[in-house]
PDB file of all heavy atoms in Angstrom:
ATOM      1  N   LYS A   1     104.991-327.917  59.697  1.00  0.00           N
ATOM      2  CA  LYS A   1     105.874-326.808  59.069  1.00  0.00           C
ATOM      3  C   LYS A   1     106.801-326.250  60.060  1.00  0.00           C
ATOM      4  O   LYS A   1     106.418-326.141  61.216  1.00  0.00           O
ATOM      5  CB  LYS A   1     104.976-325.779  58.378  1.00  0.00           C
ATOM      6  CG  LYS A   1     104.171-326.373  57.157  1.00  0.00           C
ATOM      7  CD  LYS A   1     103.460-325.362  56.373  1.00  0.00           C
ATOM      8  CE  LYS A   1     102.706-325.854  55.190  1.00  0.00           C
ATOM      9  NZ  LYS A   1     102.025-324.880  54.379  1.00  0.00           N
ATOM     10  N   LYS A   2     107.875-325.693  59.603  1.00  0.00           N
ATOM     11  CA  LYS A   2     108.777-325.099  60.418  1.00  0.00           C
ATOM     12  C   LYS A   2     108.537-323.599  60.409  1.00  0.00           C
ATOM     13  O   LYS A   2     108.189-323.079  59.400  1.00  0.00           O
ATOM     14  CB  LYS A   2     110.278-325.396  59.961  1.00  0.00           C
ATOM     15  CG  LYS A   2     110.788-326.747  60.142  1.00  0.00           C
ATOM     16  CD  LYS A   2     112.268-326.888  59.750  1.00  0.00           C
ATOM     17  CE  LYS A   2     112.605-328.350  59.809  1.00  0.00           C
ATOM     18  NZ  LYS A   2     112.672-328.877  61.250  1.00  0.00           N
ATOM     19  N   PHE A   3     108.798-322.901  61.536  1.00  0.00           N
ATOM     20  CA  PHE A   3     108.604-321.538  61.621  1.00  0.00           C
ATOM     21  C   PHE A   3     109.808-320.750  61.921  1.00  0.00           C
ATOM     22  O   PHE A   3     110.656-321.267  62.581  1.00  0.00           O
ATOM     23  CB  PHE A   3     107.558-321.319  62.850  1.00  0.00           C
ATOM     24  CG  PHE A   3     106.076-321.535  62.555  1.00  0.00           C
ATOM     25  CD1 PHE A   3     105.652-322.880  62.425  1.00  0.00           C
ATOM     26  CD2 PHE A   3     105.255-320.483  62.508  1.00  0.00           C
ATOM     27  CE1 PHE A   3     104.363-323.061  62.223  1.00  0.00           C
ATOM     28  CE2 PHE A   3     103.851-320.817  62.277  1.00  0.00           C
ATOM     29  CZ  PHE A   3     103.411-322.096  62.090  1.00  0.00           C
ATOM     30  N   ILE A   4     109.844-319.562  61.299  1.00  0.00           N
ATOM     31  CA  ILE A   4     110.884-318.603  61.622  1.00  0.00           C
ATOM     32  C   ILE A   4     110.126-317.261  62.030  1.00  0.00           C
ATOM     33  O   ILE A   4     109.376-316.890  61.334  1.00  0.00           O
ATOM     34  CB  ILE A   4     111.925-318.293  60.504  1.00  0.00           C
ATOM     35  CG1 ILE A   4     112.459-319.576  59.902  1.00  0.00           C
ATOM     36  CG2 ILE A   4     112.918-317.288  60.789  1.00  0.00           C
ATOM     37  CD1 ILE A   4     113.337-319.306  58.667  1.00  0.00           C
ATOM     38  N   TYR A   5     110.449-316.852  63.253  1.00  0.00           N
ATOM     39  CA  TYR A   5     109.687-315.759  63.806  1.00  0.00           C
ATOM     40  C   TYR A   5     110.702-314.579  64.057  1.00  0.00           C
ATOM     41  O   TYR A   5     111.654-314.715  64.717  1.00  0.00           O
ATOM     42  CB  TYR A   5     108.966-316.093  65.089  1.00  0.00           C
ATOM     43  CG  TYR A   5     108.097-314.960  65.614  1.00  0.00           C
ATOM     44  CD1 TYR A   5     106.735-314.970  65.339  1.00  0.00           C
ATOM     45  CD2 TYR A   5     108.612-314.020  66.449  1.00  0.00           C
ATOM     46  CE1 TYR A   5     105.927-313.981  65.739  1.00  0.00           C
ATOM     47  CE2 TYR A   5     107.760-312.874  66.853  1.00  0.00           C
ATOM     48  CZ  TYR A   5     106.504-312.864  66.565  1.00  0.00           C
ATOM     49  OH  TYR A   5     105.645-311.893  66.919  1.00  0.00           O
ATOM     50  N   LEU A   6     110.324-313.453  63.488  1.00  0.00           N
ATOM     51  CA  LEU A   6     111.176-312.285  63.660  1.00  0.00           C
ATOM     52  C   LEU A   6     110.464-311.191  64.331  1.00  0.00           C
ATOM     53  O   LEU A   6     109.313-310.801  64.041  1.00  0.00           O
ATOM     54  CB  LEU A   6     111.601-311.569  62.236  1.00  0.00           C
ATOM     55  CG  LEU A   6     112.414-312.521  61.330  1.00  0.00           C
ATOM     56  CD1 LEU A   6     111.462-313.366  60.492  1.00  0.00           C
ATOM     57  CD2 LEU A   6     113.355-311.640  60.391  1.00  0.00           C
ATOM     58  N   GLY A   7     111.061-310.541  65.377  1.00  0.00           N
ATOM     59  CA  GLY A   7     110.441-309.496  66.164  1.00  0.00           C
ATOM     60  C   GLY A   7     111.381-308.709  67.007  1.00  0.00           C
ATOM     61  O   GLY A   7     112.576-309.085  67.027  1.00  0.00           O
ATOM     62  N   ASP A   8     110.848-307.666  67.565  1.00  0.00           N
ATOM     63  CA  ASP A   8     111.754-306.773  68.438  1.00  0.00           C
ATOM     64  C   ASP A   8     111.153-306.449  69.769  1.00  0.00           C
ATOM     65  O   ASP A   8     111.925-306.219  70.769  1.00  0.00           O
ATOM     66  CB  ASP A   8     112.019-305.428  67.708  1.00  0.00           C
ATOM     67  CG  ASP A   8     110.698-304.566  67.691  1.00  0.00           C
ATOM     68  OD1 ASP A   8     109.752-304.873  66.836  1.00  0.00           O
ATOM     69  OD2 ASP A   8     110.622-303.607  68.478  1.00  0.00           O
ATOM     70  N   GLY A   9     109.783-306.342  69.897  1.00  0.00           N
ATOM     71  CA  GLY A   9     109.190-305.819  71.089  1.00  0.00           C
ATOM     72  C   GLY A   9     108.828-306.888  72.164  1.00  0.00           C
ATOM     73  O   GLY A   9     108.982-308.078  71.904  1.00  0.00           O
ATOM     74  N   SER A  10     108.331-306.344  73.340  1.00  0.00           N
ATOM     75  CA  SER A  10     107.979-307.255  74.360  1.00  0.00           C
ATOM     76  C   SER A  10     106.771-308.166  74.044  1.00  0.00           C
ATOM     77  O   SER A  10     106.707-309.261  74.526  1.00  0.00           O
ATOM     78  CB  SER A  10     107.625-306.468  75.639  1.00  0.00           C
ATOM     79  OG  SER A  10     106.641-305.490  75.327  1.00  0.00           O
ATOM     80  N   GLY A  11     105.962-307.660  73.043  1.00  0.00           N
ATOM     81  CA  GLY A  11     104.831-308.373  72.630  1.00  0.00           C
ATOM     82  C   GLY A  11     105.288-309.630  71.756  1.00  0.00           C
ATOM     83  O   GLY A  11     104.443-310.565  71.520  1.00  0.00           O
ATOM     84  N   ASP A  12     106.519-309.672  71.308  1.00  0.00           N
ATOM     85  CA  ASP A  12     107.047-310.756  70.520  1.00  0.00           C
ATOM     86  C   ASP A  12     107.590-311.850  71.366  1.00  0.00           C
ATOM     87  O   ASP A  12     108.017-312.904  70.868  1.00  0.00           O
ATOM     88  CB  ASP A  12     108.184-310.310  69.629  1.00  0.00           C
ATOM     89  CG  ASP A  12     107.579-309.348  68.595  1.00  0.00           C
ATOM     90  OD1 ASP A  12     106.535-309.573  67.861  1.00  0.00           O
ATOM     91  OD2 ASP A  12     108.096-308.188  68.439  1.00  0.00           O
ATOM     92  N   TYR A  13     107.584-311.743  72.694  1.00  0.00           N
ATOM     93  CA  TYR A  13     108.235-312.741  73.605  1.00  0.00           C
ATOM     94  C   TYR A  13     107.141-313.889  73.762  1.00  0.00           C
ATOM     95  O   TYR A  13     107.687-315.052  73.662  1.00  0.00           O
ATOM     96  CB  TYR A  13     108.379-312.096  74.937  1.00  0.00           C
ATOM     97  CG  TYR A  13     109.054-313.015  75.989  1.00  0.00           C
ATOM     98  CD1 TYR A  13     110.239-313.675  75.753  1.00  0.00           C
ATOM     99  CD2 TYR A  13     108.368-313.385  77.137  1.00  0.00           C
ATOM    100  CE1 TYR A  13     110.799-314.540  76.598  1.00  0.00           C
ATOM    101  CE2 TYR A  13     108.880-314.276  78.108  1.00  0.00           C
ATOM    102  CZ  TYR A  13     110.157-314.885  77.797  1.00  0.00           C
ATOM    103  OH  TYR A  13     110.690-315.712  78.775  1.00  0.00           O
ATOM    104  N   CYS A  14     105.917-313.612  73.874  1.00  0.00           N
ATOM    105  CA  CYS A  14     104.867-314.693  74.036  1.00  0.00           C
ATOM    106  C   CYS A  14     104.980-315.668  72.809  1.00  0.00           C
ATOM    107  O   CYS A  14     104.986-316.928  72.946  1.00  0.00           O
ATOM    108  CB  CYS A  14     103.511-314.118  74.333  1.00  0.00           C
ATOM    109  SG  CYS A  14     102.172-315.322  74.490  1.00  0.00           S
ATOM    110  N   PRO A  15     104.859-315.161  71.572  1.00  0.00           N
ATOM    111  CA  PRO A  15     104.903-316.033  70.421  1.00  0.00           C
ATOM    112  C   PRO A  15     106.217-316.775  70.403  1.00  0.00           C
ATOM    113  O   PRO A  15     106.195-317.974  69.900  1.00  0.00           O
ATOM    114  CB  PRO A  15     104.678-315.188  69.275  1.00  0.00           C
ATOM    115  CG  PRO A  15     104.969-313.798  69.757  1.00  0.00           C
ATOM    116  CD  PRO A  15     104.559-313.780  71.213  1.00  0.00           C
ATOM    117  N   SER A  16     107.331-316.154  70.863  1.00  0.00           N
ATOM    118  CA  SER A  16     108.659-316.832  70.850  1.00  0.00           C
ATOM    119  C   SER A  16     108.489-318.116  71.677  1.00  0.00           C
ATOM    120  O   SER A  16     109.101-319.131  71.464  1.00  0.00           O
ATOM    121  CB  SER A  16     109.699-315.944  71.334  1.00  0.00           C
ATOM    122  OG  SER A  16     109.900-314.857  70.441  1.00  0.00           O
ATOM    123  N   LEU A  17     107.819-318.009  72.816  1.00  0.00           N
ATOM    124  CA  LEU A  17     107.624-319.223  73.745  1.00  0.00           C
ATOM    125  C   LEU A  17     106.785-320.301  73.199  1.00  0.00           C
ATOM    126  O   LEU A  17     106.843-321.466  73.514  1.00  0.00           O
ATOM    127  CB  LEU A  17     106.944-318.617  75.025  1.00  0.00           C
ATOM    128  CG  LEU A  17     107.776-317.750  75.955  1.00  0.00           C
ATOM    129  CD1 LEU A  17     106.883-317.257  77.057  1.00  0.00           C
ATOM    130  CD2 LEU A  17     109.047-318.473  76.537  1.00  0.00           C
ATOM    131  N   LYS A  18     106.023-319.919  72.183  1.00  0.00           N
ATOM    132  CA  LYS A  18     105.112-320.945  71.547  1.00  0.00           C
ATOM    133  C   LYS A  18     105.879-321.775  70.465  1.00  0.00           C
ATOM    134  O   LYS A  18     105.336-322.797  69.924  1.00  0.00           O
ATOM    135  CB  LYS A  18     103.861-320.202  70.897  1.00  0.00           C
ATOM    136  CG  LYS A  18     103.086-319.371  71.887  1.00  0.00           C
ATOM    137  CD  LYS A  18     102.432-320.122  73.052  1.00  0.00           C
ATOM    138  CE  LYS A  18     101.602-319.449  73.967  1.00  0.00           C
ATOM    139  NZ  LYS A  18     101.070-320.006  75.101  1.00  0.00           N
ATOM    140  N   LEU A  19     106.999-321.314  69.994  1.00  0.00           N
ATOM    141  CA  LEU A  19     107.716-321.988  68.970  1.00  0.00           C
ATOM    142  C   LEU A  19     108.202-323.386  69.414  1.00  0.00           C
ATOM    143  O   LEU A  19     108.373-323.486  70.673  1.00  0.00           O
ATOM    144  CB  LEU A  19     108.824-321.079  68.424  1.00  0.00           C
ATOM    145  CG  LEU A  19     108.471-319.838  67.845  1.00  0.00           C
ATOM    146  CD1 LEU A  19     109.622-319.004  67.416  1.00  0.00           C
ATOM    147  CD2 LEU A  19     107.523-320.060  66.589  1.00  0.00           C
ATOM    148  N   LYS A  20     108.472-324.217  68.527  1.00  0.00           N
ATOM    149  CA  LYS A  20     108.744-325.670  68.893  1.00  0.00           C
ATOM    150  C   LYS A  20     110.264-325.978  68.530  1.00  0.00           C
ATOM    151  O   LYS A  20     110.888-325.186  67.880  1.00  0.00           O
ATOM    152  CB  LYS A  20     107.806-326.701  68.276  1.00  0.00           C
ATOM    153  CG  LYS A  20     106.326-326.423  68.614  1.00  0.00           C
ATOM    154  CD  LYS A  20     105.387-327.256  67.871  1.00  0.00           C
ATOM    155  CE  LYS A  20     103.909-326.984  68.231  1.00  0.00           C
ATOM    156  NZ  LYS A  20     103.013-327.794  67.402  1.00  0.00           N
ATOM    157  N   VAL A  21     110.759-327.119  69.014  1.00  0.00           N
ATOM    158  CA  VAL A  21     111.997-327.588  68.590  1.00  0.00           C
ATOM    159  C   VAL A  21     111.976-327.841  67.107  1.00  0.00           C
ATOM    160  O   VAL A  21     111.074-328.348  66.503  1.00  0.00           O
ATOM    161  CB  VAL A  21     112.323-328.948  69.339  1.00  0.00           C
ATOM    162  CG1 VAL A  21     113.557-329.582  68.766  1.00  0.00           C
ATOM    163  CG2 VAL A  21     112.324-328.718  70.811  1.00  0.00           C
ATOM    164  N   GLY A  22     112.974-327.271  66.440  1.00  0.00           N
ATOM    165  CA  GLY A  22     113.116-327.370  65.035  1.00  0.00           C
ATOM    166  C   GLY A  22     112.757-325.976  64.392  1.00  0.00           C
ATOM    167  O   GLY A  22     112.935-325.702  63.208  1.00  0.00           O
ATOM    168  N   ASP A  23     112.065-325.107  65.195  1.00  0.00           N
ATOM    169  CA  ASP A  23     111.776-323.758  64.736  1.00  0.00           C
ATOM    170  C   ASP A  23     112.879-322.752  65.070  1.00  0.00           C
ATOM    171  O   ASP A  23     113.819-323.210  65.756  1.00  0.00           O
ATOM    172  CB  ASP A  23     110.476-323.254  65.478  1.00  0.00           C
ATOM    173  CG  ASP A  23     109.258-323.981  65.026  1.00  0.00           C
ATOM    174  OD1 ASP A  23     109.143-324.595  63.861  1.00  0.00           O
ATOM    175  OD2 ASP A  23     108.218-323.979  65.746  1.00  0.00           O
ATOM    176  N   PHE A  24     112.738-321.550  64.622  1.00  0.00           N
ATOM    177  CA  PHE A  24     113.877-320.629  64.793  1.00  0.00           C
ATOM    178  C   PHE A  24     113.137-319.196  65.198  1.00  0.00           C
ATOM    179  O   PHE A  24     112.070-318.821  64.641  1.00  0.00           O
ATOM    180  CB  PHE A  24     114.530-320.301  63.482  1.00  0.00           C
ATOM    181  CG  PHE A  24     115.234-321.586  63.042  1.00  0.00           C
ATOM    182  CD1 PHE A  24     114.614-322.403  62.195  1.00  0.00           C
ATOM    183  CD2 PHE A  24     116.589-321.907  63.290  1.00  0.00           C
ATOM    184  CE1 PHE A  24     115.155-323.624  61.651  1.00  0.00           C
ATOM    185  CE2 PHE A  24     117.139-323.026  62.869  1.00  0.00           C
ATOM    186  CZ  PHE A  24     116.383-323.942  62.081  1.00  0.00           C
ATOM    187  N   VAL A  25     113.725-318.567  66.135  1.00  0.00           N
ATOM    188  CA  VAL A  25     113.291-317.137  66.569  1.00  0.00           C
ATOM    189  C   VAL A  25     114.495-316.197  66.340  1.00  0.00           C
ATOM    190  O   VAL A  25     115.540-316.531  66.527  1.00  0.00           O
ATOM    191  CB  VAL A  25     112.760-317.103  68.062  1.00  0.00           C
ATOM    192  CG1 VAL A  25     114.018-317.568  69.027  1.00  0.00           C
ATOM    193  CG2 VAL A  25     112.236-315.776  68.317  1.00  0.00           C
ATOM    194  N   MET A  26     114.125-315.124  65.741  1.00  0.00           N
ATOM    195  CA  MET A  26     115.038-313.970  65.379  1.00  0.00           C
ATOM    196  C   MET A  26     114.759-312.710  66.105  1.00  0.00           C
ATOM    197  O   MET A  26     114.047-311.911  65.561  1.00  0.00           O
ATOM    198  CB  MET A  26     115.078-313.799  63.918  1.00  0.00           C
ATOM    199  CG  MET A  26     115.735-314.994  63.064  1.00  0.00           C
ATOM    200  SD  MET A  26     115.646-314.651  61.316  1.00  0.00           S
ATOM    201  CE  MET A  26     116.504-313.020  61.180  1.00  0.00           C
ATOM    202  N   PRO A  27     115.189-312.588  67.348  1.00  0.00           N
ATOM    203  CA  PRO A  27     114.874-311.352  68.158  1.00  0.00           C
ATOM    204  C   PRO A  27     115.884-310.326  67.631  1.00  0.00           C
ATOM    205  O   PRO A  27     117.101-310.590  67.373  1.00  0.00           O
ATOM    206  CB  PRO A  27     115.158-311.839  69.588  1.00  0.00           C
ATOM    207  CG  PRO A  27     116.115-312.932  69.423  1.00  0.00           C
ATOM    208  CD  PRO A  27     115.865-313.669  68.168  1.00  0.00           C
TER     209      PRO A  27
END
């Protein structure tokens, strides 16, 4: 499954690093 991750804080950086090619991060 594809992931879209939305966050704002420093704690959202680690999960952003775990996302894969084909996923999306929305900082």
